């Protein structure tokens, strides 16, 4: 059973819509602040795949697969930082392209009436799982929703959230937590800058 919807999002936010929720869950497989990483072990990666209805047809993922999953995840996170104002990350783009070379996609028809043109993984192994995440990312870029998926601007958090604000101006996954923390740090820096220098 797919249990993505059970994950509570910070600040009471809703999960990203449609297939983009898979990308959100993939990148959020690690909690940066509390150092809980579902991809820390091969078994953890296998469990994540199972929960998201991505069963590998052949053998279970191996250690190299796990490392590639982490590399792809962090490259996608870097791209999602860009959606929140960070400068372009050329290394992240190179990583995504490198992994994507081994994750072919094919054009297929889907939807209830079979009339929807879409990209599907050509493989049924772990590369097919990566391809599915990449296909969801590509579809989001095409339909304009990609820019709304962002990594939290709070560097200790970086939780990926979906920005539903009209002006796409949300910066933090939770205004009450990360937003307040960031504003307090800005306030403290300004106070330190305004403090008189100690007399000699």
C-alpha atoms as a PDB file:
ATOM      1  CA  UNK A   1       0.000   0.000   0.000  1.00  0.00           C
ATOM      2  CA  UNK A   2       1.240   3.493  -0.828  1.00  0.00           C
ATOM      3  CA  UNK A   3       1.516   5.432   2.429  1.00  0.00           C
ATOM      4  CA  UNK A   4       2.969   8.720   1.199  1.00  0.00           C
ATOM      5  CA  UNK A   5      -0.118  10.642   2.314  1.00  0.00           C
ATOM      6  CA  UNK A   6       0.497   9.630   5.924  1.00  0.00           C
ATOM      7  CA  UNK A   7       3.633  11.778   6.209  1.00  0.00           C
ATOM      8  CA  UNK A   8       2.824  14.946   8.149  1.00  0.00           C
ATOM      9  CA  UNK A   9       4.224  18.067   6.567  1.00  0.00           C
ATOM     10  CA  UNK A  10       5.648  20.903   8.702  1.00  0.00           C
ATOM     11  CA  UNK A  11       3.417  23.906   9.260  1.00  0.00           C
ATOM     12  CA  UNK A  12       0.307  21.934   8.374  1.00  0.00           C
ATOM     13  CA  UNK A  13       1.183  22.089   4.676  1.00  0.00           C
ATOM     14  CA  UNK A  14      -0.398  19.648   2.263  1.00  0.00           C
ATOM     15  CA  UNK A  15       1.776  17.160   0.406  1.00  0.00           C
ATOM     16  CA  UNK A  16       2.774  18.120  -3.130  1.00  0.00           C
ATOM     17  CA  UNK A  17       0.089  17.271  -5.690  1.00  0.00           C
ATOM     18  CA  UNK A  18       0.061  14.246  -7.963  1.00  0.00           C
ATOM     19  CA  UNK A  19       3.291  12.538  -9.017  1.00  0.00           C
ATOM     20  CA  UNK A  20       5.347  15.410  -7.589  1.00  0.00           C
ATOM     21  CA  UNK A  21       4.610  13.947  -4.147  1.00  0.00           C
ATOM     22  CA  UNK A  22       6.963  11.098  -5.047  1.00  0.00           C
ATOM     23  CA  UNK A  23       9.822  13.528  -5.675  1.00  0.00           C
ATOM     24  CA  UNK A  24       9.038  15.303  -2.400  1.00  0.00           C
ATOM     25  CA  UNK A  25       9.086  12.035  -0.476  1.00  0.00           C
ATOM     26  CA  UNK A  26      12.288  10.890  -2.197  1.00  0.00           C
ATOM     27  CA  UNK A  27      14.176  14.047  -1.202  1.00  0.00           C
ATOM     28  CA  UNK A  28      12.620  14.054   2.275  1.00  0.00           C
ATOM     29  CA  UNK A  29      13.863  10.510   2.904  1.00  0.00           C
ATOM     30  CA  UNK A  30      16.407  12.181   5.174  1.00  0.00           C
ATOM     31  CA  UNK A  31      15.579  14.539   8.007  1.00  0.00           C
ATOM     32  CA  UNK A  32      18.581  16.867   7.775  1.00  0.00           C
ATOM     33  CA  UNK A  33      18.061  18.516  11.142  1.00  0.00           C
ATOM     34  CA  UNK A  34      17.600  15.321  13.162  1.00  0.00           C
ATOM     35  CA  UNK A  35      19.923  13.166  11.024  1.00  0.00           C
ATOM     36  CA  UNK A  36      17.404  10.405  10.333  1.00  0.00           C
ATOM     37  CA  UNK A  37      18.165   8.941   6.918  1.00  0.00           C
ATOM     38  CA  UNK A  38      15.995   6.231   5.374  1.00  0.00           C
ATOM     39  CA  UNK A  39      18.707   5.624   2.771  1.00  0.00           C
ATOM     40  CA  UNK A  40      21.427   5.096   5.368  1.00  0.00           C
ATOM     41  CA  UNK A  41      21.221   1.350   4.740  1.00  0.00           C
ATOM     42  CA  UNK A  42      20.278  -0.851   1.802  1.00  0.00           C
ATOM     43  CA  UNK A  43      17.382  -2.244   3.836  1.00  0.00           C
ATOM     44  CA  UNK A  44      16.148   1.276   4.489  1.00  0.00           C
ATOM     45  CA  UNK A  45      16.187   2.063   0.777  1.00  0.00           C
ATOM     46  CA  UNK A  46      14.360  -1.205   0.026  1.00  0.00           C
ATOM     47  CA  UNK A  47      11.697  -0.345   2.614  1.00  0.00           C
ATOM     48  CA  UNK A  48      11.203   3.109   1.100  1.00  0.00           C
ATOM     49  CA  UNK A  49      10.796   1.612  -2.374  1.00  0.00           C
ATOM     50  CA  UNK A  50       8.277  -0.924  -1.069  1.00  0.00           C
ATOM     51  CA  UNK A  51       6.208   1.780   0.645  1.00  0.00           C
ATOM     52  CA  UNK A  52       6.044   3.686  -2.615  1.00  0.00           C
ATOM     53  CA  UNK A  53       4.947   0.701  -4.687  1.00  0.00           C
ATOM     54  CA  UNK A  54       8.280   0.493  -6.460  1.00  0.00           C
ATOM     55  CA  UNK A  55       9.177  -3.138  -6.241  1.00  0.00           C
ATOM     56  CA  UNK A  56      12.447  -4.077  -7.889  1.00  0.00           C
ATOM     57  CA  UNK A  57      11.865  -6.994 -10.256  1.00  0.00           C
ATOM     58  CA  UNK A  58      15.283  -8.582  -9.852  1.00  0.00           C
ATOM     59  CA  UNK A  59      17.518  -8.540  -6.769  1.00  0.00           C
ATOM     60  CA  UNK A  60      17.171  -6.153  -3.877  1.00  0.00           C
ATOM     61  CA  UNK A  61      19.124  -2.904  -4.168  1.00  0.00           C
ATOM     62  CA  UNK A  62      22.828  -3.137  -3.398  1.00  0.00           C
ATOM     63  CA  UNK A  63      25.261  -0.736  -1.777  1.00  0.00           C
ATOM     64  CA  UNK A  64      26.120   1.001  -5.059  1.00  0.00           C
ATOM     65  CA  UNK A  65      22.384   1.493  -5.693  1.00  0.00           C
ATOM     66  CA  UNK A  66      22.038   3.035  -2.247  1.00  0.00           C
ATOM     67  CA  UNK A  67      24.900   5.452  -2.924  1.00  0.00           C
ATOM     68  CA  UNK A  68      23.329   6.458  -6.226  1.00  0.00           C
ATOM     69  CA  UNK A  69      19.993   7.011  -4.484  1.00  0.00           C
ATOM     70  CA  UNK A  70      21.671   9.361  -1.998  1.00  0.00           C
ATOM     71  CA  UNK A  71      23.559  11.163  -4.777  1.00  0.00           C
ATOM     72  CA  UNK A  72      20.368  11.660  -6.809  1.00  0.00           C
ATOM     73  CA  UNK A  73      18.443  12.770  -3.736  1.00  0.00           C
ATOM     74  CA  UNK A  74      20.990  15.412  -2.767  1.00  0.00           C
ATOM     75  CA  UNK A  75      21.322  16.653  -6.346  1.00  0.00           C
ATOM     76  CA  UNK A  76      17.547  17.100  -6.513  1.00  0.00           C
ATOM     77  CA  UNK A  77      17.623  18.908  -3.157  1.00  0.00           C
ATOM     78  CA  UNK A  78      20.212  21.313  -4.591  1.00  0.00           C
ATOM     79  CA  UNK A  79      17.907  22.023  -7.546  1.00  0.00           C
ATOM     80  CA  UNK A  80      15.039  22.609  -5.126  1.00  0.00           C
ATOM     81  CA  UNK A  81      17.199  25.100  -3.229  1.00  0.00           C
ATOM     82  CA  UNK A  82      17.375  27.030  -6.492  1.00  0.00           C
ATOM     83  CA  UNK A  83      13.560  27.185  -6.482  1.00  0.00           C
ATOM     84  CA  UNK A  84      13.952  29.045  -3.185  1.00  0.00           C
ATOM     85  CA  UNK A  85      16.481  31.594  -4.394  1.00  0.00           C
ATOM     86  CA  UNK A  86      19.797  29.730  -4.179  1.00  0.00           C
ATOM     87  CA  UNK A  87      22.274  30.186  -7.057  1.00  0.00           C
ATOM     88  CA  UNK A  88      22.397  27.531  -9.805  1.00  0.00           C
ATOM     89  CA  UNK A  89      24.273  24.370  -8.827  1.00  0.00           C
ATOM     90  CA  UNK A  90      26.131  23.034 -11.872  1.00  0.00           C
ATOM     91  CA  UNK A  91      27.458  20.032  -9.970  1.00  0.00           C
ATOM     92  CA  UNK A  92      23.899  18.971  -9.089  1.00  0.00           C
ATOM     93  CA  UNK A  93      22.903  19.164 -12.732  1.00  0.00           C
ATOM     94  CA  UNK A  94      25.879  17.033 -13.733  1.00  0.00           C
ATOM     95  CA  UNK A  95      24.962  14.420 -11.097  1.00  0.00           C
ATOM     96  CA  UNK A  96      21.342  14.206 -12.282  1.00  0.00           C
ATOM     97  CA  UNK A  97      22.463  13.884 -15.901  1.00  0.00           C
ATOM     98  CA  UNK A  98      25.045  11.215 -14.998  1.00  0.00           C
ATOM     99  CA  UNK A  99      22.523   9.048 -13.145  1.00  0.00           C
ATOM    100  CA  UNK A 100      19.790   9.665 -15.737  1.00  0.00           C
ATOM    101  CA  UNK A 101      21.978   8.187 -18.485  1.00  0.00           C
ATOM    102  CA  UNK A 102      21.421   4.732 -16.954  1.00  0.00           C
ATOM    103  CA  UNK A 103      17.712   5.316 -16.295  1.00  0.00           C
ATOM    104  CA  UNK A 104      16.018   5.287 -19.707  1.00  0.00           C
ATOM    105  CA  UNK A 105      12.468   6.510 -20.156  1.00  0.00           C
ATOM    106  CA  UNK A 106      10.054   5.580 -22.930  1.00  0.00           C
ATOM    107  CA  UNK A 107       7.003   7.352 -24.283  1.00  0.00           C
ATOM    108  CA  UNK A 108       3.774   5.589 -23.338  1.00  0.00           C
ATOM    109  CA  UNK A 109       0.046   6.211 -23.204  1.00  0.00           C
ATOM    110  CA  UNK A 110      -1.700   6.329 -19.850  1.00  0.00           C
ATOM    111  CA  UNK A 111      -4.681   7.833 -18.100  1.00  0.00           C
ATOM    112  CA  UNK A 112      -8.139   6.368 -17.694  1.00  0.00           C
ATOM    113  CA  UNK A 113      -8.874   6.532 -21.414  1.00  0.00           C
ATOM    114  CA  UNK A 114      -5.349   5.693 -22.561  1.00  0.00           C
ATOM    115  CA  UNK A 115      -5.033   9.058 -24.296  1.00  0.00           C
ATOM    116  CA  UNK A 116      -2.504  10.705 -21.973  1.00  0.00           C
ATOM    117  CA  UNK A 117       1.043  10.824 -23.337  1.00  0.00           C
ATOM    118  CA  UNK A 118       3.640  10.260 -20.622  1.00  0.00           C
ATOM    119  CA  UNK A 119       7.141   9.032 -19.882  1.00  0.00           C
ATOM    120  CA  UNK A 120       7.621   5.666 -18.186  1.00  0.00           C
ATOM    121  CA  UNK A 121      10.717   3.793 -17.004  1.00  0.00           C
ATOM    122  CA  UNK A 122      12.095   1.347 -19.542  1.00  0.00           C
ATOM    123  CA  UNK A 123      13.629  -0.844 -16.819  1.00  0.00           C
ATOM    124  CA  UNK A 124      12.130  -2.707 -13.865  1.00  0.00           C
ATOM    125  CA  UNK A 125      15.196  -2.667 -11.609  1.00  0.00           C
ATOM    126  CA  UNK A 126      16.437   0.073  -9.285  1.00  0.00           C
ATOM    127  CA  UNK A 127      17.277   2.197 -12.348  1.00  0.00           C
ATOM    128  CA  UNK A 128      13.611   2.056 -13.252  1.00  0.00           C
ATOM    129  CA  UNK A 129      12.785   3.413  -9.794  1.00  0.00           C
ATOM    130  CA  UNK A 130      15.188   6.313 -10.275  1.00  0.00           C
ATOM    131  CA  UNK A 131      13.703   6.866 -13.737  1.00  0.00           C
ATOM    132  CA  UNK A 132      10.236   7.162 -12.226  1.00  0.00           C
ATOM    133  CA  UNK A 133      11.425   9.909  -9.865  1.00  0.00           C
ATOM    134  CA  UNK A 134      13.091  11.693 -12.783  1.00  0.00           C
ATOM    135  CA  UNK A 135       9.984  11.323 -14.968  1.00  0.00           C
ATOM    136  CA  UNK A 136       7.884  12.940 -12.233  1.00  0.00           C
ATOM    137  CA  UNK A 137      10.393  15.791 -12.046  1.00  0.00           C
ATOM    138  CA  UNK A 138      10.300  16.257 -15.803  1.00  0.00           C
ATOM    139  CA  UNK A 139       6.493  16.282 -15.850  1.00  0.00           C
ATOM    140  CA  UNK A 140       6.463  18.916 -13.094  1.00  0.00           C
ATOM    141  CA  UNK A 141       8.839  21.147 -15.062  1.00  0.00           C
ATOM    142  CA  UNK A 142       6.582  20.745 -18.099  1.00  0.00           C
ATOM    143  CA  UNK A 143       3.357  21.637 -16.260  1.00  0.00           C
ATOM    144  CA  UNK A 144       4.897  24.498 -14.249  1.00  0.00           C
ATOM    145  CA  UNK A 145       4.533  22.973 -10.785  1.00  0.00           C
ATOM    146  CA  UNK A 146       8.267  22.276 -10.339  1.00  0.00           C
ATOM    147  CA  UNK A 147       9.030  25.850  -9.255  1.00  0.00           C
ATOM    148  CA  UNK A 148       6.628  25.463  -6.332  1.00  0.00           C
ATOM    149  CA  UNK A 149       8.583  22.540  -4.868  1.00  0.00           C
ATOM    150  CA  UNK A 150      11.269  24.066  -2.654  1.00  0.00           C
ATOM    151  CA  UNK A 151      13.901  23.153  -0.095  1.00  0.00           C
ATOM    152  CA  UNK A 152      13.351  25.112   3.122  1.00  0.00           C
ATOM    153  CA  UNK A 153      15.594  28.186   3.263  1.00  0.00           C
ATOM    154  CA  UNK A 154      16.610  27.339   6.839  1.00  0.00           C
ATOM    155  CA  UNK A 155      19.982  25.633   6.308  1.00  0.00           C
ATOM    156  CA  UNK A 156      19.556  23.355   9.322  1.00  0.00           C
ATOM    157  CA  UNK A 157      16.284  22.026   7.924  1.00  0.00           C
ATOM    158  CA  UNK A 158      16.074  21.940   4.098  1.00  0.00           C
ATOM    159  CA  UNK A 159      12.811  19.974   4.278  1.00  0.00           C
ATOM    160  CA  UNK A 160      11.145  19.956   0.865  1.00  0.00           C
ATOM    161  CA  UNK A 161       7.719  21.593   0.813  1.00  0.00           C
ATOM    162  CA  UNK A 162       5.169  22.597  -1.816  1.00  0.00           C
ATOM    163  CA  UNK A 163       4.544  26.341  -1.978  1.00  0.00           C
ATOM    164  CA  UNK A 164       0.860  27.000  -2.610  1.00  0.00           C
ATOM    165  CA  UNK A 165       1.051  30.753  -2.017  1.00  0.00           C
ATOM    166  CA  UNK A 166      -0.267  32.903  -4.853  1.00  0.00           C
ATOM    167  CA  UNK A 167       3.048  34.666  -5.414  1.00  0.00           C
ATOM    168  CA  UNK A 168       5.176  31.557  -4.772  1.00  0.00           C
ATOM    169  CA  UNK A 169       6.911  33.557  -2.051  1.00  0.00           C
ATOM    170  CA  UNK A 170       7.115  31.014   0.790  1.00  0.00           C
ATOM    171  CA  UNK A 171      10.680  30.488   1.991  1.00  0.00           C
ATOM    172  CA  UNK A 172      10.301  28.129   4.936  1.00  0.00           C
ATOM    173  CA  UNK A 173       8.579  24.787   5.389  1.00  0.00           C
ATOM    174  CA  UNK A 174       7.045  26.171   8.593  1.00  0.00           C
ATOM    175  CA  UNK A 175       6.768  29.870   9.348  1.00  0.00           C
ATOM    176  CA  UNK A 176       6.202  29.065  13.032  1.00  0.00           C
ATOM    177  CA  UNK A 177       9.442  27.079  13.343  1.00  0.00           C
ATOM    178  CA  UNK A 178      11.997  27.702  10.598  1.00  0.00           C
ATOM    179  CA  UNK A 179      10.673  31.155   9.704  1.00  0.00           C
ATOM    180  CA  UNK A 180      10.756  32.324  13.302  1.00  0.00           C
ATOM    181  CA  UNK A 181      14.201  30.831  13.849  1.00  0.00           C
ATOM    182  CA  UNK A 182      15.607  32.552  10.753  1.00  0.00           C
ATOM    183  CA  UNK A 183      14.107  35.893  11.758  1.00  0.00           C
ATOM    184  CA  UNK A 184      15.543  35.577  15.263  1.00  0.00           C
ATOM    185  CA  UNK A 185      19.000  34.952  13.821  1.00  0.00           C
ATOM    186  CA  UNK A 186      18.650  38.017  11.589  1.00  0.00           C
ATOM    187  CA  UNK A 187      17.580  40.062  14.617  1.00  0.00           C
ATOM    188  CA  UNK A 188      20.536  38.864  16.695  1.00  0.00           C
ATOM    189  CA  UNK A 189      22.979  39.675  13.881  1.00  0.00           C
ATOM    190  CA  UNK A 190      21.582  43.182  13.546  1.00  0.00           C
ATOM    191  CA  UNK A 191      21.833  43.703  17.319  1.00  0.00           C
ATOM    192  CA  UNK A 192      25.475  42.579  17.307  1.00  0.00           C
ATOM    193  CA  UNK A 193      26.212  44.914  14.395  1.00  0.00           C
ATOM    194  CA  UNK A 194      24.615  47.824  16.261  1.00  0.00           C
ATOM    195  CA  UNK A 195      26.411  47.136  19.535  1.00  0.00           C
ATOM    196  CA  UNK A 196      29.092  49.726  20.362  1.00  0.00           C
ATOM    197  CA  UNK A 197      32.669  48.554  20.072  1.00  0.00           C
ATOM    198  CA  UNK A 198      34.354  47.909  23.457  1.00  0.00           C
ATOM    199  CA  UNK A 199      36.461  50.826  24.625  1.00  0.00           C
ATOM    200  CA  UNK A 200      40.197  50.275  24.763  1.00  0.00           C
END
